Each structure stands twice: as C-alpha cells, then as structure tokens.
C-alpha cells in the first residue's frame, strides 16, 4: 500500500515553493511520493494569464527532478474539472494507494469556494502547510470553521491513514517565499522556453518527453 500526497494546482509555473512544500510533506507525513496534479484549467483563476498546459507540465517536470515527485496530467485524461471528482475517481484507478490532499494555507482560506469542498474533506484527509501572510485568514475561513473539530495533532501526522474523516492536520516548516505570481510578473513570457516540448500522455496521465517528466530517487533533495 503506497502512501501518496496529492498537490493539485495550475503550476503556472512550477517553482521552488512547490518542491519544498512537497519534500516537507513527505517527511512529516511519511509519504512514498507526492503527485503533482497539473490542472488543465483552474475554475478559480483567470484564464487570461494561464500558460498552455504543455508548458506548465514541462515546468513541473524540471522542478520535480531528482525527488520522489510524480508529475501527472491525469485530470486531463479522466476529464475531471473539479477536485472533488478527481478525488472520487483516484481510489478506483489506484486501489492499492492511500491518498492525502496537500494544500497551502492560502488555499485553505478560499477552500469554501471550491466545488463540493465538504465532499473532498469527507473523502481524503487534508494536510495544510503554512504560508507567509495567510495563516490568520486561513484560520478565520468558513472552511476552517467547519473543519476545526477535525484538526489532528501535528505530532500524529504520520498516522493519517488511520484517521476518521474528515481530518485535517496543520504543518509548519520554514516557508519559501517564491510565488507563481511574482515569477510571471518578472518573466511574463516564461512559457515560451517550453514551446518545443513534445509530450504524450500515459495511462496515468503523466507526460513523457525527450527529457523525463518524472524523475524519482531514494533521497530527498532540497
């Protein structure tokens, strides 16, 4: 039985903050892997600033190198628009895996805006990683009000497969200040570097290219 953390997002582009969050979650939760679910389109984000899917997959590939991180476009393959639908389908596709949803405190602050967010919390445990400037907003959010009684001690984080749902754990580590917004502001045409990426989609929805989309090693590297 593999223990898998799921980190969904636009990855527009992927950056060091995604990587550090994932490696911390692997250590804190005792995960075998983290899967980055690159969304074909985020319903809560402006399409105008969204780079092409292939470029976002390619940027995730580069950032995930030499780490137990699997970059996947499975949501595009199984045609799910909302996280609630993805979470419902994954256990059927991977019955020997156990999943926990990973999110930053910024996403917890707006979690109540997600489609069927309560269904997500009732299907998988959730691990929330602190992000600078968002903690107060996250703790005051409507979703946190509903989930407050479901909070588990961080010291028991590796026991998440035994928790009764809904369940949420708050994790803290030295955060990385990098954000996709600042990277796009500094380089609005960043996606052009990946314009020539050739990809095909495997059964799991991973992208394969001339350079590997998924590179894993036994060692966690910063």
Protein backbone atom coordinates (compact mmCIF):
# COMPACT_ATOMS: atom_id res chain seq x y z
CA UNK A 1 0.00 0.00 0.00
CA UNK A 2 1.58 3.27 -1.15
CA UNK A 3 1.08 6.48 0.79
CA UNK A 4 0.58 9.32 -1.67
CA UNK A 5 0.29 13.06 -1.15
CA UNK A 6 -1.70 14.93 -3.78
CA UNK A 7 -0.81 18.51 -4.66
CA UNK A 8 -3.13 20.00 -7.23
CA UNK A 9 -2.66 23.29 -8.99
CA UNK A 10 -2.03 25.23 -12.15
CA UNK A 11 1.77 25.16 -11.75
CA UNK A 12 1.85 28.38 -13.75
CA UNK A 13 4.82 27.95 -13.48
CA UNK A 14 6.01 25.31 -11.02
CA UNK A 15 8.54 26.74 -8.57
CA UNK A 16 10.78 26.03 -5.60
CA UNK A 17 7.93 26.63 -3.17
CA UNK A 18 6.02 23.66 -4.65
CA UNK A 19 9.09 21.47 -4.33
CA UNK A 20 9.96 22.42 -0.75
CA UNK A 21 6.34 22.03 0.36
CA UNK A 22 6.25 18.55 -1.20
CA UNK A 23 9.52 17.39 0.35
CA UNK A 24 8.45 18.64 3.77
CA UNK A 25 5.11 16.84 3.43
CA UNK A 26 6.92 13.61 2.50
CA UNK A 27 8.97 13.79 5.70
CA UNK A 28 6.17 14.97 8.02
CA UNK A 29 3.51 12.54 6.73
CA UNK A 30 5.69 9.53 5.92
CA UNK A 31 4.76 9.56 2.24
CA UNK A 32 6.17 7.37 -0.51
CA UNK A 33 5.54 10.02 -3.16
CA UNK A 34 3.84 13.31 -3.87
CA UNK A 35 1.84 13.55 -7.08
CA UNK A 36 1.60 16.96 -8.69
CA UNK A 37 -1.77 17.09 -10.44
CA UNK A 38 -1.35 19.74 -13.12
CA UNK A 39 -4.82 21.12 -13.78
CA UNK A 40 -5.96 21.63 -17.38
CA UNK A 41 -7.78 24.73 -16.10
CA UNK A 42 -8.46 26.17 -12.65
CA UNK A 43 -12.09 27.36 -12.26
CA UNK A 44 -10.99 29.92 -9.65
CA UNK A 45 -8.23 31.52 -11.73
CA UNK A 46 -8.28 33.91 -14.66
CA UNK A 47 -7.76 32.09 -17.95
CA UNK A 48 -6.11 35.17 -19.45
CA UNK A 49 -2.88 34.66 -17.54
CA UNK A 50 -2.79 30.87 -17.84
CA UNK A 51 0.10 29.38 -19.82
CA UNK A 52 -0.51 26.40 -22.15
CA UNK A 53 -0.92 23.04 -20.43
CA UNK A 54 2.22 21.57 -22.06
CA UNK A 55 4.38 24.43 -20.80
CA UNK A 56 3.04 24.06 -17.25
CA UNK A 57 3.67 20.31 -17.35
CA UNK A 58 7.21 20.90 -18.62
CA UNK A 59 7.96 23.44 -15.88
CA UNK A 60 6.72 20.93 -13.29
CA UNK A 61 8.97 18.27 -14.84
CA UNK A 62 12.03 20.45 -14.39
CA UNK A 63 11.19 21.41 -10.81
CA UNK A 64 10.44 17.79 -9.78
CA UNK A 65 13.78 16.35 -10.93
CA UNK A 66 15.66 14.05 -8.55
CA UNK A 67 12.85 13.89 -6.00
CA UNK A 68 10.04 11.42 -5.15
CA UNK A 69 7.58 13.62 -7.03
CA UNK A 70 5.41 12.32 -9.85
CA UNK A 71 4.11 14.93 -12.29
CA UNK A 72 0.74 13.97 -13.72
CA UNK A 73 -1.83 15.31 -16.14
CA UNK A 74 -4.35 12.67 -15.12
CA UNK A 75 -7.15 15.21 -14.69
CA UNK A 76 -6.93 15.92 -18.40
CA UNK A 77 -7.09 12.21 -19.23
CA UNK A 78 -10.02 11.37 -16.96
CA UNK A 79 -11.71 14.67 -17.85
CA UNK A 80 -12.33 15.98 -14.34
CA UNK A 81 -12.84 19.71 -13.88
CA UNK A 82 -13.21 19.76 -10.10
CA UNK A 83 -11.00 18.33 -7.36
CA UNK A 84 -13.99 16.59 -5.77
CA UNK A 85 -14.42 14.49 -8.94
CA UNK A 86 -10.71 13.69 -9.17
CA UNK A 87 -10.62 12.58 -5.53
CA UNK A 88 -13.63 10.35 -6.11
CA UNK A 89 -12.06 8.60 -9.11
CA UNK A 90 -8.46 8.12 -7.97
CA UNK A 91 -9.12 5.33 -5.41
CA UNK A 92 -10.92 3.35 -8.13
CA UNK A 93 -8.00 3.76 -10.51
CA UNK A 94 -5.36 3.05 -7.83
CA UNK A 95 -6.97 0.77 -5.22
CA UNK A 96 -3.59 -0.07 -3.60
CA UNK A 97 -2.83 3.56 -2.82
CA UNK A 98 -3.88 5.77 0.10
CA UNK A 99 -4.19 9.48 -0.59
CA UNK A 100 -3.91 12.67 1.43
CA UNK A 101 -4.64 16.09 -0.06
CA UNK A 102 -1.95 18.76 0.36
CA UNK A 103 -2.62 22.48 0.26
CA UNK A 104 -1.07 25.75 1.38
CA UNK A 105 -2.78 27.98 3.91
CA UNK A 106 -3.70 30.34 1.06
CA UNK A 107 -5.89 27.60 -0.43
CA UNK A 108 -7.49 26.81 2.92
CA UNK A 109 -8.51 30.47 3.14
CA UNK A 110 -10.62 30.04 -0.02
CA UNK A 111 -11.42 26.34 0.30
CA UNK A 112 -15.09 27.14 0.90
CA UNK A 113 -15.25 28.43 -2.69
CA UNK A 114 -14.23 25.06 -4.14
CA UNK A 115 -16.91 22.95 -5.76
CA UNK A 116 -18.27 20.42 -3.18
CA UNK A 117 -15.42 21.17 -0.77
CA UNK A 118 -17.10 19.27 2.06
CA UNK A 119 -17.14 16.15 -0.12
CA UNK A 120 -13.37 16.49 -0.57
CA UNK A 121 -12.87 16.65 3.20
CA UNK A 122 -15.07 13.59 3.69
CA UNK A 123 -13.16 11.53 1.11
CA UNK A 124 -9.50 12.22 1.99
CA UNK A 125 -7.55 13.66 4.94
CA UNK A 126 -6.10 17.11 4.33
CA UNK A 127 -2.68 18.46 5.27
CA UNK A 128 -2.36 22.25 5.30
CA UNK A 129 1.10 23.79 5.10
CA UNK A 130 1.57 27.31 6.49
CA UNK A 131 2.32 30.12 4.03
CA UNK A 132 3.54 33.62 4.97
CA UNK A 133 0.72 36.13 5.33
CA UNK A 134 -2.15 33.65 5.06
CA UNK A 135 -2.36 31.97 8.46
CA UNK A 136 -4.80 34.43 10.04
CA UNK A 137 -7.09 34.42 7.00
CA UNK A 138 -6.98 30.62 6.81
CA UNK A 139 -7.89 30.15 10.49
CA UNK A 140 -10.80 32.59 10.13
CA UNK A 141 -12.14 31.00 6.94
CA UNK A 142 -15.60 29.37 6.70
CA UNK A 143 -13.97 26.03 5.80
CA UNK A 144 -11.78 26.10 8.90
CA UNK A 145 -14.84 26.86 10.99
CA UNK A 146 -16.43 23.67 9.69
CA UNK A 147 -13.22 21.62 9.99
CA UNK A 148 -11.99 22.92 13.34
CA UNK A 149 -13.16 19.86 15.27
CA UNK A 150 -11.47 17.64 12.69
CA UNK A 151 -7.96 19.02 13.34
CA UNK A 152 -5.44 16.36 14.38
CA UNK A 153 -2.16 16.99 16.28
CA UNK A 154 0.84 17.58 14.05
CA UNK A 155 2.78 15.09 16.17
CA UNK A 156 0.46 12.35 14.89
CA UNK A 157 0.74 13.34 11.23
CA UNK A 158 2.23 10.01 10.14
CA UNK A 159 -0.88 8.21 11.41
CA UNK A 160 -3.11 9.85 8.79
CA UNK A 161 -4.11 6.55 7.17
CA UNK A 162 -5.91 5.62 10.41
CA UNK A 163 -7.82 8.84 10.91
CA UNK A 164 -11.59 9.01 10.77
CA UNK A 165 -12.76 11.55 8.20
CA UNK A 166 -13.00 14.45 7.97
CA UNK A 167 -9.49 15.03 9.28
CA UNK A 168 -7.07 17.93 8.88
CA UNK A 169 -3.52 18.47 10.12
CA UNK A 170 -1.66 21.78 10.17
CA UNK A 171 2.04 21.51 9.29
CA UNK A 172 4.70 24.16 9.76
CA UNK A 173 8.17 24.47 8.29
CA UNK A 174 10.39 27.28 7.07
CA UNK A 175 8.34 28.53 4.12
CA UNK A 176 9.73 29.51 0.75
CA UNK A 177 8.58 33.00 -0.33
CA UNK A 178 8.54 32.14 -4.05
CA UNK A 179 5.19 32.55 -5.78
CA UNK A 180 3.99 31.89 -9.31
CA UNK A 181 2.52 35.41 -9.41
CA UNK A 182 5.91 37.04 -8.80
CA UNK A 183 7.61 34.74 -11.31
CA UNK A 184 5.07 35.64 -14.01
CA UNK A 185 5.48 39.34 -13.21
CA UNK A 186 9.26 39.05 -13.62
CA UNK A 187 9.02 36.97 -16.81
CA UNK A 188 5.57 37.12 -18.46
CA UNK A 189 6.78 35.02 -21.41
CA UNK A 190 8.32 32.23 -19.27
CA UNK A 191 6.26 29.56 -21.03
CA UNK A 192 7.96 30.20 -24.38
CA UNK A 193 11.01 28.33 -23.09
CA UNK A 194 8.88 25.17 -23.20
CA UNK A 195 7.20 25.84 -26.55
CA UNK A 196 9.04 22.95 -28.23
CA UNK A 197 8.22 20.35 -25.61
CA UNK A 198 6.84 17.18 -27.20
CA UNK A 199 4.65 15.14 -24.89
CA UNK A 200 2.36 12.14 -24.97
CA UNK A 201 0.11 11.04 -22.15
CA UNK A 202 0.50 7.66 -20.45
CA UNK A 203 -2.20 5.63 -18.72
CA UNK A 204 -1.80 7.60 -15.50
CA UNK A 205 -1.84 10.89 -17.35
CA UNK A 206 1.88 11.54 -16.96
CA UNK A 207 3.64 13.39 -19.71
CA UNK A 208 6.55 11.75 -21.46
CA UNK A 209 9.02 13.83 -23.44
CA UNK A 210 12.58 13.83 -24.73
CA UNK A 211 13.59 14.57 -21.14
CA UNK A 212 11.74 12.56 -18.47
CA UNK A 213 8.64 14.13 -16.95
CA UNK A 214 9.04 12.01 -13.85
CA UNK A 215 12.40 11.54 -12.14
CA UNK A 216 12.49 9.91 -8.70
CA UNK A 217 15.33 8.97 -6.41
CA UNK A 218 15.53 7.39 -2.98
CA UNK A 219 16.99 10.54 -1.44
CA UNK A 220 15.05 13.71 -0.65
CA UNK A 221 16.96 16.60 -2.10
CA UNK A 222 16.33 20.30 -1.41
